[in-house]
C-alpha atoms as a PDB file:
ATOM      1  CA  UNK A   1      32.551 -17.207 -49.772  1.00  0.00           C
ATOM      2  CA  UNK A   2      33.238 -20.272 -48.074  1.00  0.00           C
ATOM      3  CA  UNK A   3      30.868 -21.601 -45.379  1.00  0.00           C
ATOM      4  CA  UNK A   4      33.457 -20.944 -42.629  1.00  0.00           C
ATOM      5  CA  UNK A   5      34.075 -17.132 -43.630  1.00  0.00           C
ATOM      6  CA  UNK A   6      30.361 -16.677 -43.217  1.00  0.00           C
ATOM      7  CA  UNK A   7      30.010 -18.782 -39.680  1.00  0.00           C
ATOM      8  CA  UNK A   8      32.970 -16.594 -38.603  1.00  0.00           C
ATOM      9  CA  UNK A   9      30.764 -13.700 -40.541  1.00  0.00           C
ATOM     10  CA  UNK A  10      27.628 -14.356 -38.375  1.00  0.00           C
ATOM     11  CA  UNK A  11      30.044 -15.282 -35.340  1.00  0.00           C
ATOM     12  CA  UNK A  12      31.232 -11.725 -35.468  1.00  0.00           C
ATOM     13  CA  UNK A  13      27.898  -9.889 -36.089  1.00  0.00           C
ATOM     14  CA  UNK A  14      25.958 -12.021 -33.198  1.00  0.00           C
ATOM     15  CA  UNK A  15      28.831 -10.522 -30.467  1.00  0.00           C
ATOM     16  CA  UNK A  16      28.271  -7.221 -32.127  1.00  0.00           C
ATOM     17  CA  UNK A  17      24.393  -7.462 -31.440  1.00  0.00           C
ATOM     18  CA  UNK A  18      24.943  -8.735 -28.476  1.00  0.00           C
ATOM     19  CA  UNK A  19      27.252  -6.370 -27.208  1.00  0.00           C
ATOM     20  CA  UNK A  20      24.628  -3.467 -28.329  1.00  0.00           C
ATOM     21  CA  UNK A  21      21.826  -4.957 -26.559  1.00  0.00           C
ATOM     22  CA  UNK A  22      23.968  -4.715 -23.553  1.00  0.00           C
ATOM     23  CA  UNK A  23      24.847  -1.620 -23.408  1.00  0.00           C
ATOM     24  CA  UNK A  24      20.728  -0.651 -23.996  1.00  0.00           C
ATOM     25  CA  UNK A  25      19.612  -2.657 -21.683  1.00  0.00           C
ATOM     26  CA  UNK A  26      22.313  -0.319 -19.705  1.00  0.00           C
ATOM     27  CA  UNK A  27      21.164   2.783 -20.886  1.00  0.00           C
ATOM     28  CA  UNK A  28      18.029   1.776 -20.494  1.00  0.00           C
ATOM     29  CA  UNK A  29      18.173   0.578 -16.815  1.00  0.00           C
ATOM     30  CA  UNK A  30      19.752   4.479 -16.211  1.00  0.00           C
ATOM     31  CA  UNK A  31      16.189   6.044 -17.271  1.00  0.00           C
ATOM     32  CA  UNK A  32      14.748   4.174 -15.390  1.00  0.00           C
ATOM     33  CA  UNK A  33      16.366   4.670 -12.456  1.00  0.00           C
ATOM     34  CA  UNK A  34      16.292   8.785 -13.109  1.00  0.00           C
ATOM     35  CA  UNK A  35      11.702   8.431 -14.510  1.00  0.00           C
ATOM     36  CA  UNK A  36      11.474   7.221 -10.687  1.00  0.00           C
ATOM     37  CA  UNK A  37      13.731   9.588  -8.451  1.00  0.00           C
ATOM     38  CA  UNK A  38      11.198  12.741 -10.872  1.00  0.00           C
ATOM     39  CA  UNK A  39       8.396  11.089  -9.995  1.00  0.00           C
ATOM     40  CA  UNK A  40       9.487  11.294  -6.612  1.00  0.00           C
ATOM     41  CA  UNK A  41      10.626  14.552  -6.485  1.00  0.00           C
ATOM     42  CA  UNK A  42       7.249  15.416  -8.691  1.00  0.00           C
ATOM     43  CA  UNK A  43       4.752  13.313  -6.296  1.00  0.00           C
ATOM     44  CA  UNK A  44       6.668  15.748  -3.863  1.00  0.00           C
ATOM     45  CA  UNK A  45       6.688  19.299  -5.177  1.00  0.00           C
ATOM     46  CA  UNK A  46       2.969  18.978  -5.695  1.00  0.00           C
ATOM     47  CA  UNK A  47       2.694  17.945  -1.288  1.00  0.00           C
ATOM     48  CA  UNK A  48       4.318  21.055  -0.813  1.00  0.00           C
ATOM     49  CA  UNK A  49       2.299  23.217  -3.640  1.00  0.00           C
ATOM     50  CA  UNK A  50      -1.065  21.419  -1.660  1.00  0.00           C
ATOM     51  CA  UNK A  51       0.274  22.715   1.591  1.00  0.00           C
ATOM     52  CA  UNK A  52       1.362  26.020   0.509  1.00  0.00           C
ATOM     53  CA  UNK A  53      -2.192  26.358  -1.536  1.00  0.00           C
ATOM     54  CA  UNK A  54      -3.726  25.057   2.235  1.00  0.00           C
ATOM     55  CA  UNK A  55      -1.930  27.389   4.448  1.00  0.00           C
ATOM     56  CA  UNK A  56      -2.739  30.612   2.157  1.00  0.00           C
ATOM     57  CA  UNK A  57      -6.600  29.445   1.935  1.00  0.00           C
ATOM     58  CA  UNK A  58      -7.303  29.045   5.974  1.00  0.00           C
ATOM     59  CA  UNK A  59     -10.528  27.272   6.638  1.00  0.00           C
ATOM     60  CA  UNK A  60     -11.385  29.985   8.450  1.00  0.00           C
ATOM     61  CA  UNK A  61     -13.936  33.280   8.229  1.00  0.00           C
ATOM     62  CA  UNK A  62     -12.185  36.471   7.441  1.00  0.00           C
ATOM     63  CA  UNK A  63     -11.759  38.572  10.592  1.00  0.00           C
ATOM     64  CA  UNK A  64     -14.650  41.328   9.681  1.00  0.00           C
ATOM     65  CA  UNK A  65     -17.255  38.955   9.452  1.00  0.00           C
END
């Protein structure tokens, strides 16, 4: 294999690797956006659960006291 053939092979491999890195970066960015969205939903649901729990157990005595 000549030096020119090796150089072409290296450049080709480098182009494929750069493309793969771009694709992986896009996937990571999408996953981060989804994670952020899910974290917000989780916080919202936790707050709703806390609010429901507070409503279910008011801080007053039952009427028979």
